[in-house]
Every structure is written in structure tokens, then in C-alpha cells.
């Protein structure tokens, strides 16, 4: 449980530090956020039966940090901006 918690904190802090500087995956209609690919990786870890608490914690932290933004949705409006909640 300690390793998971430390991984969660590490993932959250790293995502918070890197997100403003990382390239964005944008198309005309969609914005693929880091919480989306983080969720896909978590599902892949589950399918592959990888049970390393640190790795699962890191990706959970990345997902939670991504969901903390107000523009977490995938859809973009007519002007190319991500919809707000």
C-alpha cells in the first residue's frame, strides 16, 4: 500500500510538472488528454496481469491529475477550443 501511494503521488506530481510543456494531441474535433492514454495503459496493465503497485500508482496519479482540469473532455467546439464542464 505504501508503494502504491508513493507511486500515485509521484505520477500526480510528474504529470503536473510536465503537462504544461508537453505536446498536445489535438485534431479538429478531439483533444486526447493524458488521462485518456493513462487510462488505456492502466487497462493494458490489468489485461497483462501486471501487479506492480508502483507502476499502477504512477498511472493512477497521472489519470487523477488529468481529471483535475476543467477542460478534461475529449470534444472540441466549432472554434477548436476544448469544451468546458
N, C-alpha and C. Protein backbone atom coordinates (compact mmCIF):
# COMPACT_ATOMS: atom_id res chain seq x y z
N UNK A 1 0.82 -1.19 0.00
CA UNK A 1 0.00 0.00 0.00
C UNK A 1 0.87 1.27 0.00
N UNK A 2 1.99 1.22 0.68
CA UNK A 2 2.90 2.37 0.70
C UNK A 2 3.47 2.60 -0.70
N UNK A 3 3.87 1.52 -1.37
CA UNK A 3 4.44 1.67 -2.71
C UNK A 3 3.41 2.24 -3.68
N UNK A 4 2.17 1.80 -3.58
CA UNK A 4 1.10 2.34 -4.43
C UNK A 4 0.91 3.82 -4.15
N UNK A 5 0.85 4.20 -2.88
CA UNK A 5 0.64 5.60 -2.50
C UNK A 5 1.78 6.48 -2.99
N UNK A 6 3.01 6.02 -2.84
CA UNK A 6 4.16 6.78 -3.32
C UNK A 6 4.14 6.90 -4.84
N UNK A 7 3.76 5.83 -5.53
CA UNK A 7 3.63 5.87 -6.99
C UNK A 7 2.55 6.84 -7.42
N UNK A 8 1.43 6.85 -6.69
CA UNK A 8 0.33 7.76 -7.01
C UNK A 8 0.79 9.21 -6.87
N UNK A 9 1.47 9.51 -5.79
CA UNK A 9 1.98 10.88 -5.59
C UNK A 9 3.00 11.24 -6.67
N UNK A 10 3.90 10.32 -6.97
CA UNK A 10 4.91 10.56 -8.00
C UNK A 10 4.27 10.81 -9.36
N UNK A 11 3.28 10.00 -9.73
CA UNK A 11 2.59 10.17 -11.00
C UNK A 11 1.86 11.50 -11.08
N UNK A 12 1.19 11.87 -10.00
CA UNK A 12 0.46 13.14 -9.96
C UNK A 12 1.41 14.32 -10.10
N UNK A 13 2.49 14.31 -9.32
CA UNK A 13 3.45 15.42 -9.34
C UNK A 13 4.15 15.52 -10.69
N UNK A 14 4.57 14.40 -11.24
CA UNK A 14 5.24 14.42 -12.55
C UNK A 14 4.31 14.92 -13.64
N UNK A 15 3.06 14.47 -13.63
CA UNK A 15 2.09 14.93 -14.64
C UNK A 15 1.84 16.42 -14.49
N UNK A 16 1.75 16.90 -13.25
CA UNK A 16 1.53 18.33 -13.01
C UNK A 16 2.71 19.16 -13.53
N UNK A 17 3.92 18.63 -13.38
CA UNK A 17 5.12 19.36 -13.81
C UNK A 17 5.31 19.33 -15.32
N UNK A 18 4.98 18.21 -15.96
CA UNK A 18 5.29 18.02 -17.38
C UNK A 18 4.16 18.50 -18.31
N UNK A 19 2.93 18.42 -17.86
CA UNK A 19 1.78 18.72 -18.72
C UNK A 19 1.85 20.07 -19.43
N UNK A 20 2.21 21.16 -18.75
CA UNK A 20 2.24 22.45 -19.46
C UNK A 20 3.27 22.50 -20.61
N UNK A 21 4.28 21.65 -20.57
CA UNK A 21 5.35 21.70 -21.56
C UNK A 21 5.26 20.59 -22.61
N UNK A 22 4.36 19.65 -22.41
CA UNK A 22 4.28 18.52 -23.34
C UNK A 22 3.41 18.88 -24.55
N UNK A 23 3.68 18.23 -25.69
CA UNK A 23 2.85 18.49 -26.87
C UNK A 23 1.44 17.95 -26.66
N UNK A 24 0.48 18.61 -27.27
CA UNK A 24 -0.91 18.20 -27.13
C UNK A 24 -1.35 17.41 -28.36
N UNK A 25 -2.15 16.40 -28.13
CA UNK A 25 -2.71 15.60 -29.22
C UNK A 25 -4.06 16.18 -29.59
N UNK A 26 -4.05 17.08 -30.57
CA UNK A 26 -5.26 17.78 -30.98
C UNK A 26 -5.61 17.47 -32.42
N UNK A 27 -6.88 17.30 -32.67
CA UNK A 27 -7.39 17.25 -34.03
C UNK A 27 -8.47 18.33 -34.12
N UNK A 28 -9.12 18.40 -35.26
CA UNK A 28 -10.16 19.42 -35.42
C UNK A 28 -11.30 19.22 -34.43
N UNK A 29 -11.63 17.96 -34.13
CA UNK A 29 -12.78 17.67 -33.27
C UNK A 29 -12.42 17.16 -31.89
N UNK A 30 -11.22 16.61 -31.73
CA UNK A 30 -10.89 15.91 -30.49
C UNK A 30 -9.63 16.46 -29.84
N UNK A 31 -9.58 16.32 -28.52
CA UNK A 31 -8.38 16.61 -27.74
C UNK A 31 -8.12 15.38 -26.88
N UNK A 32 -7.05 14.67 -27.19
CA UNK A 32 -6.70 13.46 -26.44
C UNK A 32 -5.84 13.88 -25.26
N UNK A 33 -6.42 13.84 -24.08
CA UNK A 33 -5.74 14.27 -22.86
C UNK A 33 -4.88 13.13 -22.28
N UNK A 34 -3.96 13.49 -21.39
CA UNK A 34 -3.09 12.47 -20.81
C UNK A 34 -3.84 11.52 -19.89
N UNK A 35 -4.97 11.93 -19.33
CA UNK A 35 -5.73 11.00 -18.51
C UNK A 35 -6.33 9.89 -19.36
N UNK A 36 -6.55 10.15 -20.64
CA UNK A 36 -7.13 9.14 -21.52
C UNK A 36 -6.12 8.05 -21.85
N UNK A 37 -4.89 8.45 -22.25
CA UNK A 37 -3.91 7.41 -22.55
C UNK A 37 -3.44 6.75 -21.26
N UNK A 38 -3.48 7.48 -20.13
CA UNK A 38 -3.15 6.86 -18.84
C UNK A 38 -4.15 5.77 -18.48
N UNK A 39 -5.42 6.01 -18.76
CA UNK A 39 -6.46 5.01 -18.51
C UNK A 39 -6.26 3.79 -19.41
N UNK A 40 -5.91 4.03 -20.67
CA UNK A 40 -5.65 2.91 -21.58
C UNK A 40 -4.47 2.06 -21.09
N UNK A 41 -3.43 2.72 -20.59
CA UNK A 41 -2.28 1.97 -20.07
C UNK A 41 -2.67 1.19 -18.83
N UNK A 42 -3.50 1.79 -17.95
CA UNK A 42 -3.96 1.05 -16.77
C UNK A 42 -4.76 -0.19 -17.17
N UNK A 43 -5.60 -0.06 -18.18
CA UNK A 43 -6.36 -1.22 -18.68
C UNK A 43 -5.42 -2.28 -19.25
N UNK A 44 -4.42 -1.84 -19.98
CA UNK A 44 -3.43 -2.77 -20.54
C UNK A 44 -2.68 -3.50 -19.42
N UNK A 45 -2.31 -2.79 -18.37
CA UNK A 45 -1.64 -3.42 -17.22
C UNK A 45 -2.54 -4.48 -16.60
N UNK A 46 -3.84 -4.18 -16.52
CA UNK A 46 -4.79 -5.13 -15.97
C UNK A 46 -4.90 -6.37 -16.85
N UNK A 47 -4.97 -6.17 -18.17
CA UNK A 47 -5.09 -7.28 -19.11
C UNK A 47 -3.84 -8.15 -19.07
N UNK A 48 -2.67 -7.50 -18.97
CA UNK A 48 -1.41 -8.24 -18.94
C UNK A 48 -1.08 -8.80 -17.56
N UNK A 49 -1.97 -8.55 -16.59
CA UNK A 49 -1.84 -9.07 -15.22
C UNK A 49 -0.54 -8.58 -14.56
N UNK A 50 -0.21 -7.31 -14.79
CA UNK A 50 0.95 -6.71 -14.14
C UNK A 50 0.47 -6.10 -12.82
N UNK A 51 1.06 -6.56 -11.72
CA UNK A 51 0.58 -6.18 -10.40
C UNK A 51 1.59 -5.36 -9.61
N UNK A 52 2.47 -4.64 -10.27
CA UNK A 52 3.44 -3.81 -9.58
C UNK A 52 2.73 -2.57 -9.04
N UNK A 53 2.65 -2.46 -7.71
CA UNK A 53 1.92 -1.37 -7.07
C UNK A 53 2.45 0.01 -7.47
N UNK A 54 3.75 0.12 -7.64
CA UNK A 54 4.33 1.42 -8.00
C UNK A 54 3.88 1.86 -9.39
N UNK A 55 3.91 0.95 -10.34
CA UNK A 55 3.53 1.27 -11.72
C UNK A 55 2.05 1.63 -11.79
N UNK A 56 1.22 0.84 -11.14
CA UNK A 56 -0.22 1.13 -11.12
C UNK A 56 -0.49 2.46 -10.43
N UNK A 57 0.23 2.75 -9.36
CA UNK A 57 0.09 4.02 -8.66
C UNK A 57 0.49 5.20 -9.52
N UNK A 58 1.59 5.07 -10.26
CA UNK A 58 2.05 6.15 -11.12
C UNK A 58 1.00 6.51 -12.17
N UNK A 59 0.46 5.50 -12.84
CA UNK A 59 -0.53 5.79 -13.89
C UNK A 59 -1.86 6.25 -13.31
N UNK A 60 -2.21 5.79 -12.11
CA UNK A 60 -3.40 6.29 -11.45
C UNK A 60 -3.23 7.77 -11.11
N UNK A 61 -2.04 8.15 -10.65
CA UNK A 61 -1.75 9.55 -10.36
C UNK A 61 -1.83 10.42 -11.60
N UNK A 62 -1.33 9.91 -12.73
CA UNK A 62 -1.41 10.65 -13.99
C UNK A 62 -2.86 10.87 -14.39
N UNK A 63 -3.68 9.83 -14.26
CA UNK A 63 -5.10 9.94 -14.62
C UNK A 63 -5.81 10.93 -13.71
N UNK A 64 -5.59 10.83 -12.41
CA UNK A 64 -6.26 11.73 -11.47
C UNK A 64 -5.85 13.18 -11.69
N UNK A 65 -4.59 13.41 -11.99
CA UNK A 65 -4.13 14.77 -12.24
C UNK A 65 -4.80 15.33 -13.49
N UNK A 66 -4.95 14.52 -14.52
CA UNK A 66 -5.60 14.97 -15.75
C UNK A 66 -7.06 15.30 -15.56
N UNK A 67 -7.73 14.57 -14.69
CA UNK A 67 -9.14 14.82 -14.44
C UNK A 67 -9.36 16.04 -13.55
N UNK A 68 -8.30 16.59 -12.98
CA UNK A 68 -8.44 17.76 -12.11
C UNK A 68 -8.60 19.06 -12.91
N UNK A 69 -8.36 19.03 -14.22
CA UNK A 69 -8.51 20.22 -15.07
C UNK A 69 -9.97 20.41 -15.45
N UNK A 70 -10.35 21.66 -15.74
CA UNK A 70 -11.72 21.92 -16.14
C UNK A 70 -11.97 21.55 -17.60
N UNK A 71 -10.91 21.39 -18.40
CA UNK A 71 -11.09 21.04 -19.81
C UNK A 71 -10.72 19.58 -20.08
N UNK A 72 -11.20 18.69 -19.24
CA UNK A 72 -10.83 17.28 -19.34
C UNK A 72 -11.58 16.54 -20.43
N UNK A 73 -12.54 17.16 -21.09
CA UNK A 73 -13.36 16.47 -22.10
C UNK A 73 -12.60 16.24 -23.39
N UNK A 74 -13.10 15.30 -24.19
CA UNK A 74 -12.47 14.96 -25.47
C UNK A 74 -12.96 15.85 -26.60
N UNK A 75 -14.20 16.35 -26.54
CA UNK A 75 -14.79 17.10 -27.64
C UNK A 75 -14.28 18.53 -27.68
N UNK A 76 -14.14 19.05 -28.88
CA UNK A 76 -13.76 20.45 -29.07
C UNK A 76 -14.91 21.17 -29.75
N UNK A 77 -15.07 22.47 -29.50
CA UNK A 77 -16.17 23.21 -30.11
C UNK A 77 -15.81 23.68 -31.52
N UNK A 78 -16.70 24.47 -32.13
CA UNK A 78 -16.51 24.94 -33.52
C UNK A 78 -15.24 25.76 -33.69
N UNK A 79 -14.84 26.46 -32.66
CA UNK A 79 -13.66 27.33 -32.72
C UNK A 79 -12.36 26.57 -32.42
N UNK A 80 -12.46 25.27 -32.21
CA UNK A 80 -11.27 24.48 -31.94
C UNK A 80 -10.87 24.45 -30.49
N UNK A 81 -11.70 25.00 -29.60
CA UNK A 81 -11.39 25.01 -28.17
C UNK A 81 -12.06 23.81 -27.51
N UNK A 82 -11.41 23.30 -26.48
CA UNK A 82 -11.98 22.19 -25.73
C UNK A 82 -13.16 22.69 -24.93
N UNK A 83 -14.26 21.93 -24.98
CA UNK A 83 -15.45 22.29 -24.20
C UNK A 83 -15.12 22.33 -22.72
N UNK A 84 -15.78 23.20 -22.02
CA UNK A 84 -15.65 23.28 -20.56
C UNK A 84 -16.82 22.55 -19.92
N UNK A 85 -16.64 22.18 -18.68
CA UNK A 85 -17.70 21.48 -17.95
C UNK A 85 -18.88 22.41 -17.74
